[in-house]
Amino acid sequence: MANTKSRIKRMRQNERRRARNRALRSKLRTAVKTARTAELGVERTTAVAEATRALDKAVTKGVMHRNTAARRKSGLARSLAAAR
């Protein structure tokens, strides 16, 4: 257990950030999964666009590295193009 004021504050901050990151990561995974399993057509195009926005937001918030997000967005776009 931390025994300095700064360490106790740090633990509180880390816990809040961890909860926030977990929620964002969960939404992100759901969006990507929805995009991958969506039916062809307008529904899939919309799902891929939402997943792309979610990936960009995760990068902005610092939850995911930008190259990882770029790779996932590229994969989604390729799967969408191949399905057409």
PDB file of N, CA and C in Angstrom:
ATOM      1  N   MET A   1       0.843  -1.182   0.000  1.00  0.00           N
ATOM      2  CA  MET A   1       0.000   0.000   0.000  1.00  0.00           C
ATOM      3  C   MET A   1       0.886   1.243   0.000  1.00  0.00           C
ATOM      4  N   ALA A   2       0.461   2.226  -0.750  1.00  0.00           N
ATOM      5  CA  ALA A   2       1.230   3.474  -0.841  1.00  0.00           C
ATOM      6  C   ALA A   2       1.195   4.208   0.485  1.00  0.00           C
ATOM      7  N   ASN A   3       2.272   4.855   0.820  1.00  0.00           N
ATOM      8  CA  ASN A   3       2.316   5.556   2.104  1.00  0.00           C
ATOM      9  C   ASN A   3       2.704   7.025   1.968  1.00  0.00           C
ATOM     10  N   THR A   4       2.687   7.546   0.755  1.00  0.00           N
ATOM     11  CA  THR A   4       2.911   8.977   0.585  1.00  0.00           C
ATOM     12  C   THR A   4       1.683   9.577  -0.087  1.00  0.00           C
ATOM     13  N   LYS A   5       1.459  10.852   0.162  1.00  0.00           N
ATOM     14  CA  LYS A   5       0.281  11.512  -0.393  1.00  0.00           C
ATOM     15  C   LYS A   5       0.286  11.469  -1.922  1.00  0.00           C
ATOM     16  N   SER A   6       1.443  11.709  -2.498  1.00  0.00           N
ATOM     17  CA  SER A   6       1.521  11.738  -3.956  1.00  0.00           C
ATOM     18  C   SER A   6       1.222  10.360  -4.551  1.00  0.00           C
ATOM     19  N   ARG A   7       1.673   9.324  -3.875  1.00  0.00           N
ATOM     20  CA  ARG A   7       1.444   7.966  -4.364  1.00  0.00           C
ATOM     21  C   ARG A   7      -0.037   7.589  -4.245  1.00  0.00           C
ATOM     22  N   ILE A   8      -0.668   8.018  -3.164  1.00  0.00           N
ATOM     23  CA  ILE A   8      -2.090   7.746  -2.975  1.00  0.00           C
ATOM     24  C   ILE A   8      -2.904   8.455  -4.060  1.00  0.00           C
ATOM     25  N   LYS A   9      -2.548   9.700  -4.342  1.00  0.00           N
ATOM     26  CA  LYS A   9      -3.234  10.451  -5.393  1.00  0.00           C
ATOM     27  C   LYS A   9      -3.014   9.773  -6.744  1.00  0.00           C
ATOM     28  N   ARG A  10      -1.789   9.314  -6.989  1.00  0.00           N
ATOM     29  CA  ARG A  10      -1.445   8.649  -8.235  1.00  0.00           C
ATOM     30  C   ARG A  10      -2.293   7.394  -8.421  1.00  0.00           C
ATOM     31  N   MET A  11      -2.495   6.662  -7.347  1.00  0.00           N
ATOM     32  CA  MET A  11      -3.305   5.446  -7.417  1.00  0.00           C
ATOM     33  C   MET A  11      -4.752   5.780  -7.782  1.00  0.00           C
ATOM     34  N   ARG A  12      -5.281   6.854  -7.210  1.00  0.00           N
ATOM     35  CA  ARG A  12      -6.649   7.280  -7.540  1.00  0.00           C
ATOM     36  C   ARG A  12      -6.746   7.652  -9.020  1.00  0.00           C
ATOM     37  N   GLN A  13      -5.769   8.415  -9.507  1.00  0.00           N
ATOM     38  CA  GLN A  13      -5.755   8.838 -10.909  1.00  0.00           C
ATOM     39  C   GLN A  13      -5.668   7.627 -11.840  1.00  0.00           C
ATOM     40  N   ASN A  14      -4.776   6.705 -11.510  1.00  0.00           N
ATOM     41  CA  ASN A  14      -4.586   5.526 -12.351  1.00  0.00           C
ATOM     42  C   ASN A  14      -5.854   4.688 -12.427  1.00  0.00           C
ATOM     43  N   GLU A  15      -6.553   4.565 -11.323  1.00  0.00           N
ATOM     44  CA  GLU A  15      -7.787   3.780 -11.298  1.00  0.00           C
ATOM     45  C   GLU A  15      -8.863   4.421 -12.174  1.00  0.00           C
ATOM     46  N   ARG A  16      -8.991   5.750 -12.098  1.00  0.00           N
ATOM     47  CA  ARG A  16      -9.967   6.453 -12.945  1.00  0.00           C
ATOM     48  C   ARG A  16      -9.622   6.280 -14.421  1.00  0.00           C
ATOM     49  N   ARG A  17      -8.351   6.428 -14.752  1.00  0.00           N
ATOM     50  CA  ARG A  17      -7.919   6.298 -16.140  1.00  0.00           C
ATOM     51  C   ARG A  17      -8.110   4.875 -16.656  1.00  0.00           C
ATOM     52  N   ARG A  18      -7.827   3.905 -15.794  1.00  0.00           N
ATOM     53  CA  ARG A  18      -7.983   2.513 -16.191  1.00  0.00           C
ATOM     54  C   ARG A  18      -9.446   2.220 -16.526  1.00  0.00           C
ATOM     55  N   ALA A  19     -10.349   2.704 -15.699  1.00  0.00           N
ATOM     56  CA  ALA A  19     -11.778   2.490 -15.937  1.00  0.00           C
ATOM     57  C   ALA A  19     -12.216   3.159 -17.242  1.00  0.00           C
ATOM     58  N   ARG A  20     -11.745   4.372 -17.473  1.00  0.00           N
ATOM     59  CA  ARG A  20     -12.095   5.108 -18.691  1.00  0.00           C
ATOM     60  C   ARG A  20     -11.560   4.385 -19.928  1.00  0.00           C
ATOM     61  N   ASN A  21     -10.300   3.935 -19.860  1.00  0.00           N
ATOM     62  CA  ASN A  21      -9.687   3.228 -20.990  1.00  0.00           C
ATOM     63  C   ASN A  21     -10.386   1.908 -21.267  1.00  0.00           C
ATOM     64  N   ARG A  22     -10.784   1.216 -20.200  1.00  0.00           N
ATOM     65  CA  ARG A  22     -11.463  -0.070 -20.370  1.00  0.00           C
ATOM     66  C   ARG A  22     -12.786   0.107 -21.089  1.00  0.00           C
ATOM     67  N   ALA A  23     -13.536   1.128 -20.695  1.00  0.00           N
ATOM     68  CA  ALA A  23     -14.823   1.393 -21.324  1.00  0.00           C
ATOM     69  C   ALA A  23     -14.640   1.730 -22.799  1.00  0.00           C
ATOM     70  N   LEU A  24     -13.668   2.572 -23.089  1.00  0.00           N
ATOM     71  CA  LEU A  24     -13.423   2.972 -24.474  1.00  0.00           C
ATOM     72  C   LEU A  24     -12.975   1.781 -25.312  1.00  0.00           C
ATOM     73  N   ARG A  25     -12.104   0.955 -24.748  1.00  0.00           N
ATOM     74  CA  ARG A  25     -11.616  -0.217 -25.467  1.00  0.00           C
ATOM     75  C   ARG A  25     -12.739  -1.206 -25.739  1.00  0.00           C
ATOM     76  N   SER A  26     -13.650  -1.333 -24.790  1.00  0.00           N
ATOM     77  CA  SER A  26     -14.784  -2.232 -24.959  1.00  0.00           C
ATOM     78  C   SER A  26     -15.695  -1.763 -26.092  1.00  0.00           C
ATOM     79  N   LYS A  27     -15.995  -0.461 -26.122  1.00  0.00           N
ATOM     80  CA  LYS A  27     -16.815   0.099 -27.199  1.00  0.00           C
ATOM     81  C   LYS A  27     -16.130  -0.101 -28.548  1.00  0.00           C
ATOM     82  N   LEU A  28     -14.829   0.084 -28.542  1.00  0.00           N
ATOM     83  CA  LEU A  28     -14.043  -0.071 -29.763  1.00  0.00           C
ATOM     84  C   LEU A  28     -14.143  -1.495 -30.299  1.00  0.00           C
ATOM     85  N   ARG A  29     -13.943  -2.460 -29.429  1.00  0.00           N
ATOM     86  CA  ARG A  29     -13.998  -3.862 -29.846  1.00  0.00           C
ATOM     87  C   ARG A  29     -15.382  -4.223 -30.369  1.00  0.00           C
ATOM     88  N   THR A  30     -16.415  -3.714 -29.709  1.00  0.00           N
ATOM     89  CA  THR A  30     -17.780  -3.975 -30.154  1.00  0.00           C
ATOM     90  C   THR A  30     -18.008  -3.397 -31.544  1.00  0.00           C
ATOM     91  N   ALA A  31     -17.540  -2.179 -31.769  1.00  0.00           N
ATOM     92  CA  ALA A  31     -17.725  -1.523 -33.067  1.00  0.00           C
ATOM     93  C   ALA A  31     -17.022  -2.299 -34.175  1.00  0.00           C
ATOM     94  N   VAL A  32     -15.809  -2.755 -33.915  1.00  0.00           N
ATOM     95  CA  VAL A  32     -15.046  -3.491 -34.921  1.00  0.00           C
ATOM     96  C   VAL A  32     -15.712  -4.840 -35.202  1.00  0.00           C
ATOM     97  N   LYS A  33     -16.171  -5.509 -34.148  1.00  0.00           N
ATOM     98  CA  LYS A  33     -16.829  -6.804 -34.328  1.00  0.00           C
ATOM     99  C   LYS A  33     -18.126  -6.644 -35.120  1.00  0.00           C
ATOM    100  N   THR A  34     -18.879  -5.594 -34.815  1.00  0.00           N
ATOM    101  CA  THR A  34     -20.121  -5.324 -35.537  1.00  0.00           C
ATOM    102  C   THR A  34     -19.831  -5.091 -37.014  1.00  0.00           C
ATOM    103  N   ALA A  35     -18.765  -4.362 -37.305  1.00  0.00           N
ATOM    104  CA  ALA A  35     -18.394  -4.078 -38.693  1.00  0.00           C
ATOM    105  C   ALA A  35     -18.008  -5.359 -39.427  1.00  0.00           C
ATOM    106  N   ARG A  36     -17.302  -6.237 -38.747  1.00  0.00           N
ATOM    107  CA  ARG A  36     -16.864  -7.479 -39.396  1.00  0.00           C
ATOM    108  C   ARG A  36     -18.016  -8.439 -39.654  1.00  0.00           C
ATOM    109  N   THR A  37     -19.031  -8.425 -38.786  1.00  0.00           N
ATOM    110  CA  THR A  37     -20.122  -9.397 -38.907  1.00  0.00           C
ATOM    111  C   THR A  37     -21.380  -8.820 -39.551  1.00  0.00           C
ATOM    112  N   ALA A  38     -21.334  -7.549 -39.940  1.00  0.00           N
ATOM    113  CA  ALA A  38     -22.516  -6.902 -40.521  1.00  0.00           C
ATOM    114  C   ALA A  38     -22.848  -7.492 -41.890  1.00  0.00           C
ATOM    115  N   GLU A  39     -24.134  -7.418 -42.231  1.00  0.00           N
ATOM    116  CA  GLU A  39     -24.584  -7.870 -43.552  1.00  0.00           C
ATOM    117  C   GLU A  39     -24.021  -6.935 -44.621  1.00  0.00           C
ATOM    118  N   LEU A  40     -23.940  -7.436 -45.818  1.00  0.00           N
ATOM    119  CA  LEU A  40     -23.417  -6.626 -46.920  1.00  0.00           C
ATOM    120  C   LEU A  40     -24.357  -5.473 -47.238  1.00  0.00           C
ATOM    121  N   GLY A  41     -23.817  -4.440 -47.859  1.00  0.00           N
ATOM    122  CA  GLY A  41     -24.636  -3.312 -48.280  1.00  0.00           C
ATOM    123  C   GLY A  41     -24.450  -2.109 -47.387  1.00  0.00           C
ATOM    124  N   VAL A  42     -25.526  -1.354 -47.250  1.00  0.00           N
ATOM    125  CA  VAL A  42     -25.489  -0.091 -46.502  1.00  0.00           C
ATOM    126  C   VAL A  42     -25.146  -0.336 -45.034  1.00  0.00           C
ATOM    127  N   GLU A  43     -25.692  -1.405 -44.479  1.00  0.00           N
ATOM    128  CA  GLU A  43     -25.448  -1.710 -43.063  1.00  0.00           C
ATOM    129  C   GLU A  43     -23.954  -1.902 -42.796  1.00  0.00           C
ATOM    130  N   ARG A  44     -23.300  -2.615 -43.665  1.00  0.00           N
ATOM    131  CA  ARG A  44     -21.872  -2.884 -43.473  1.00  0.00           C
ATOM    132  C   ARG A  44     -21.042  -1.619 -43.664  1.00  0.00           C
ATOM    133  N   THR A  45     -21.395  -0.829 -44.661  1.00  0.00           N
ATOM    134  CA  THR A  45     -20.676   0.422 -44.915  1.00  0.00           C
ATOM    135  C   THR A  45     -20.777   1.347 -43.707  1.00  0.00           C
ATOM    136  N   THR A  46     -21.976   1.440 -43.149  1.00  0.00           N
ATOM    137  CA  THR A  46     -22.195   2.267 -41.961  1.00  0.00           C
ATOM    138  C   THR A  46     -21.405   1.743 -40.772  1.00  0.00           C
ATOM    139  N   ALA A  47     -21.415   0.425 -40.586  1.00  0.00           N
ATOM    140  CA  ALA A  47     -20.700  -0.190 -39.468  1.00  0.00           C
ATOM    141  C   ALA A  47     -19.199   0.045 -39.581  1.00  0.00           C
ATOM    142  N   VAL A  48     -18.669  -0.040 -40.786  1.00  0.00           N
ATOM    143  CA  VAL A  48     -17.226   0.195 -40.991  1.00  0.00           C
ATOM    144  C   VAL A  48     -16.888   1.657 -40.693  1.00  0.00           C
ATOM    145  N   ALA A  49     -17.765   2.564 -41.107  1.00  0.00           N
ATOM    146  CA  ALA A  49     -17.535   3.990 -40.834  1.00  0.00           C
ATOM    147  C   ALA A  49     -17.548   4.256 -39.325  1.00  0.00           C
ATOM    148  N   GLU A  50     -18.471   3.628 -38.599  1.00  0.00           N
ATOM    149  CA  GLU A  50     -18.531   3.803 -37.142  1.00  0.00           C
ATOM    150  C   GLU A  50     -17.293   3.218 -36.474  1.00  0.00           C
ATOM    151  N   ALA A  51     -16.858   2.063 -36.944  1.00  0.00           N
ATOM    152  CA  ALA A  51     -15.657   1.442 -36.377  1.00  0.00           C
ATOM    153  C   ALA A  51     -14.430   2.312 -36.632  1.00  0.00           C
ATOM    154  N   THR A  52     -14.373   2.919 -37.808  1.00  0.00           N
ATOM    155  CA  THR A  52     -13.256   3.816 -38.138  1.00  0.00           C
ATOM    156  C   THR A  52     -13.235   5.016 -37.199  1.00  0.00           C
ATOM    157  N   ARG A  53     -14.412   5.575 -36.946  1.00  0.00           N
ATOM    158  CA  ARG A  53     -14.490   6.702 -36.003  1.00  0.00           C
ATOM    159  C   ARG A  53     -14.054   6.272 -34.603  1.00  0.00           C
ATOM    160  N   ALA A  54     -14.482   5.088 -34.189  1.00  0.00           N
ATOM    161  CA  ALA A  54     -14.118   4.579 -32.862  1.00  0.00           C
ATOM    162  C   ALA A  54     -12.610   4.375 -32.757  1.00  0.00           C
ATOM    163  N   LEU A  55     -12.005   3.853 -33.819  1.00  0.00           N
ATOM    164  CA  LEU A  55     -10.551   3.658 -33.819  1.00  0.00           C
ATOM    165  C   LEU A  55      -9.823   4.999 -33.735  1.00  0.00           C
ATOM    166  N   ASP A  56     -10.290   5.979 -34.497  1.00  0.00           N
ATOM    167  CA  ASP A  56      -9.667   7.303 -34.459  1.00  0.00           C
ATOM    168  C   ASP A  56      -9.789   7.929 -33.068  1.00  0.00           C
ATOM    169  N   LYS A  57     -10.931   7.733 -32.439  1.00  0.00           N
ATOM    170  CA  LYS A  57     -11.154   8.288 -31.105  1.00  0.00           C
ATOM    171  C   LYS A  57     -10.224   7.619 -30.090  1.00  0.00           C
ATOM    172  N   ALA A  58     -10.026   6.312 -30.231  1.00  0.00           N
ATOM    173  CA  ALA A  58      -9.136   5.587 -29.323  1.00  0.00           C
ATOM    174  C   ALA A  58      -7.708   6.104 -29.440  1.00  0.00           C
ATOM    175  N   VAL A  59      -7.298   6.436 -30.655  1.00  0.00           N
ATOM    176  CA  VAL A  59      -5.954   6.993 -30.861  1.00  0.00           C
ATOM    177  C   VAL A  59      -5.855   8.359 -30.201  1.00  0.00           C
ATOM    178  N   THR A  60      -6.889   9.179 -30.395  1.00  0.00           N
ATOM    179  CA  THR A  60      -6.896  10.525 -29.815  1.00  0.00           C
ATOM    180  C   THR A  60      -6.819  10.477 -28.294  1.00  0.00           C
ATOM    181  N   LYS A  61      -7.519   9.511 -27.704  1.00  0.00           N
ATOM    182  CA  LYS A  61      -7.544   9.389 -26.245  1.00  0.00           C
ATOM    183  C   LYS A  61      -6.316   8.681 -25.685  1.00  0.00           C
ATOM    184  N   GLY A  62      -5.490   8.132 -26.569  1.00  0.00           N
ATOM    185  CA  GLY A  62      -4.269   7.475 -26.106  1.00  0.00           C
ATOM    186  C   GLY A  62      -4.471   6.033 -25.688  1.00  0.00           C
ATOM    187  N   VAL A  63      -5.578   5.430 -26.089  1.00  0.00           N
ATOM    188  CA  VAL A  63      -5.857   4.049 -25.712  1.00  0.00           C
ATOM    189  C   VAL A  63      -5.156   3.082 -26.659  1.00  0.00           C
ATOM    190  N   MET A  64      -4.950   3.523 -27.891  1.00  0.00           N
ATOM    191  CA  MET A  64      -4.368   2.655 -28.908  1.00  0.00           C
ATOM    192  C   MET A  64      -3.310   3.426 -29.695  1.00  0.00           C
ATOM    193  N   HIS A  65      -2.293   2.716 -30.132  1.00  0.00           N
ATOM    194  CA  HIS A  65      -1.249   3.334 -30.958  1.00  0.00           C
ATOM    195  C   HIS A  65      -1.800   3.619 -32.349  1.00  0.00           C
ATOM    196  N   ARG A  66      -1.354   4.704 -32.942  1.00  0.00           N
ATOM    197  CA  ARG A  66      -1.923   5.130 -34.229  1.00  0.00           C
ATOM    198  C   ARG A  66      -1.666   4.130 -35.343  1.00  0.00           C
ATOM    199  N   ASN A  67      -0.530   3.447 -35.315  1.00  0.00           N
ATOM    200  CA  ASN A  67      -0.256   2.460 -36.363  1.00  0.00           C
ATOM    201  C   ASN A  67      -1.150   1.235 -36.224  1.00  0.00           C
ATOM    202  N   THR A  68      -1.466   0.869 -34.995  1.00  0.00           N
ATOM    203  CA  THR A  68      -2.374  -0.252 -34.754  1.00  0.00           C
ATOM    204  C   THR A  68      -3.751   0.086 -35.305  1.00  0.00           C
ATOM    205  N   ALA A  69      -4.216   1.286 -35.026  1.00  0.00           N
ATOM    206  CA  ALA A  69      -5.523   1.717 -35.522  1.00  0.00           C
ATOM    207  C   ALA A  69      -5.520   1.778 -37.042  1.00  0.00           C
ATOM    208  N   ALA A  70      -4.449   2.273 -37.627  1.00  0.00           N
ATOM    209  CA  ALA A  70      -4.346   2.362 -39.081  1.00  0.00           C
ATOM    210  C   ALA A  70      -4.408   0.975 -39.703  1.00  0.00           C
ATOM    211  N   ARG A  71      -3.739   0.016 -39.086  1.00  0.00           N
ATOM    212  CA  ARG A  71      -3.744  -1.354 -39.583  1.00  0.00           C
ATOM    213  C   ARG A  71      -5.149  -1.949 -39.525  1.00  0.00           C
ATOM    214  N   ARG A  72      -5.843  -1.702 -38.430  1.00  0.00           N
ATOM    215  CA  ARG A  72      -7.210  -2.236 -38.288  1.00  0.00           C
ATOM    216  C   ARG A  72      -8.178  -1.568 -39.256  1.00  0.00           C
ATOM    217  N   LYS A  73      -8.031  -0.264 -39.436  1.00  0.00           N
ATOM    218  CA  LYS A  73      -8.896   0.447 -40.387  1.00  0.00           C
ATOM    219  C   LYS A  73      -8.652  -0.077 -41.798  1.00  0.00           C
ATOM    220  N   SER A  74      -7.390  -0.317 -42.133  1.00  0.00           N
ATOM    221  CA  SER A  74      -7.037  -0.841 -43.440  1.00  0.00           C
ATOM    222  C   SER A  74      -7.669  -2.218 -43.655  1.00  0.00           C
ATOM    223  N   GLY A  75      -7.614  -3.043 -42.635  1.00  0.00           N
ATOM    224  CA  GLY A  75      -8.207  -4.380 -42.730  1.00  0.00           C
ATOM    225  C   GLY A  75      -9.714  -4.318 -42.944  1.00  0.00           C
ATOM    226  N   LEU A  76     -10.359  -3.412 -42.221  1.00  0.00           N
ATOM    227  CA  LEU A  76     -11.814  -3.244 -42.380  1.00  0.00           C
ATOM    228  C   LEU A  76     -12.146  -2.774 -43.788  1.00  0.00           C
ATOM    229  N   ALA A  77     -11.386  -1.814 -44.287  1.00  0.00           N
ATOM    230  CA  ALA A  77     -11.629  -1.296 -45.638  1.00  0.00           C
ATOM    231  C   ALA A  77     -11.410  -2.375 -46.693  1.00  0.00           C
ATOM    232  N   ARG A  78     -10.370  -3.171 -46.495  1.00  0.00           N
ATOM    233  CA  ARG A  78     -10.101  -4.271 -47.447  1.00  0.00           C
ATOM    234  C   ARG A  78     -11.216  -5.298 -47.433  1.00  0.00           C
ATOM    235  N   SER A  79     -11.707  -5.643 -46.240  1.00  0.00           N
ATOM    236  CA  SER A  79     -12.774  -6.641 -46.151  1.00  0.00           C
ATOM    237  C   SER A  79     -14.067  -6.102 -46.775  1.00  0.00           C
ATOM    238  N   LEU A  80     -14.288  -4.796 -46.613  1.00  0.00           N
ATOM    239  CA  LEU A  80     -15.471  -4.176 -47.222  1.00  0.00           C
ATOM    240  C   LEU A  80     -15.360  -4.183 -48.746  1.00  0.00           C
ATOM    241  N   ALA A  81     -14.179  -3.869 -49.266  1.00  0.00           N
ATOM    242  CA  ALA A  81     -13.966  -3.842 -50.717  1.00  0.00           C
ATOM    243  C   ALA A  81     -14.065  -5.247 -51.299  1.00  0.00           C
ATOM    244  N   ALA A  82     -13.546  -6.232 -50.594  1.00  0.00           N
ATOM    245  CA  ALA A  82     -13.578  -7.608 -51.082  1.00  0.00           C
ATOM    246  C   ALA A  82     -15.003  -8.169 -51.085  1.00  0.00           C
ATOM    247  N   ALA A  83     -15.835  -7.692 -50.166  1.00  0.00           N
ATOM    248  CA  ALA A  83     -17.203  -8.194 -50.051  1.00  0.00           C
ATOM    249  C   ALA A  83     -18.100  -7.646 -51.158  1.00  0.00           C
ATOM    250  N   ARG A  84     -17.678  -6.552 -51.788  1.00  0.00           N
ATOM    251  CA  ARG A  84     -18.517  -5.940 -52.832  1.00  0.00           C
ATOM    252  C   ARG A  84     -18.433  -6.667 -54.137  1.00  0.00           C
TER     253      ARG A  84
END
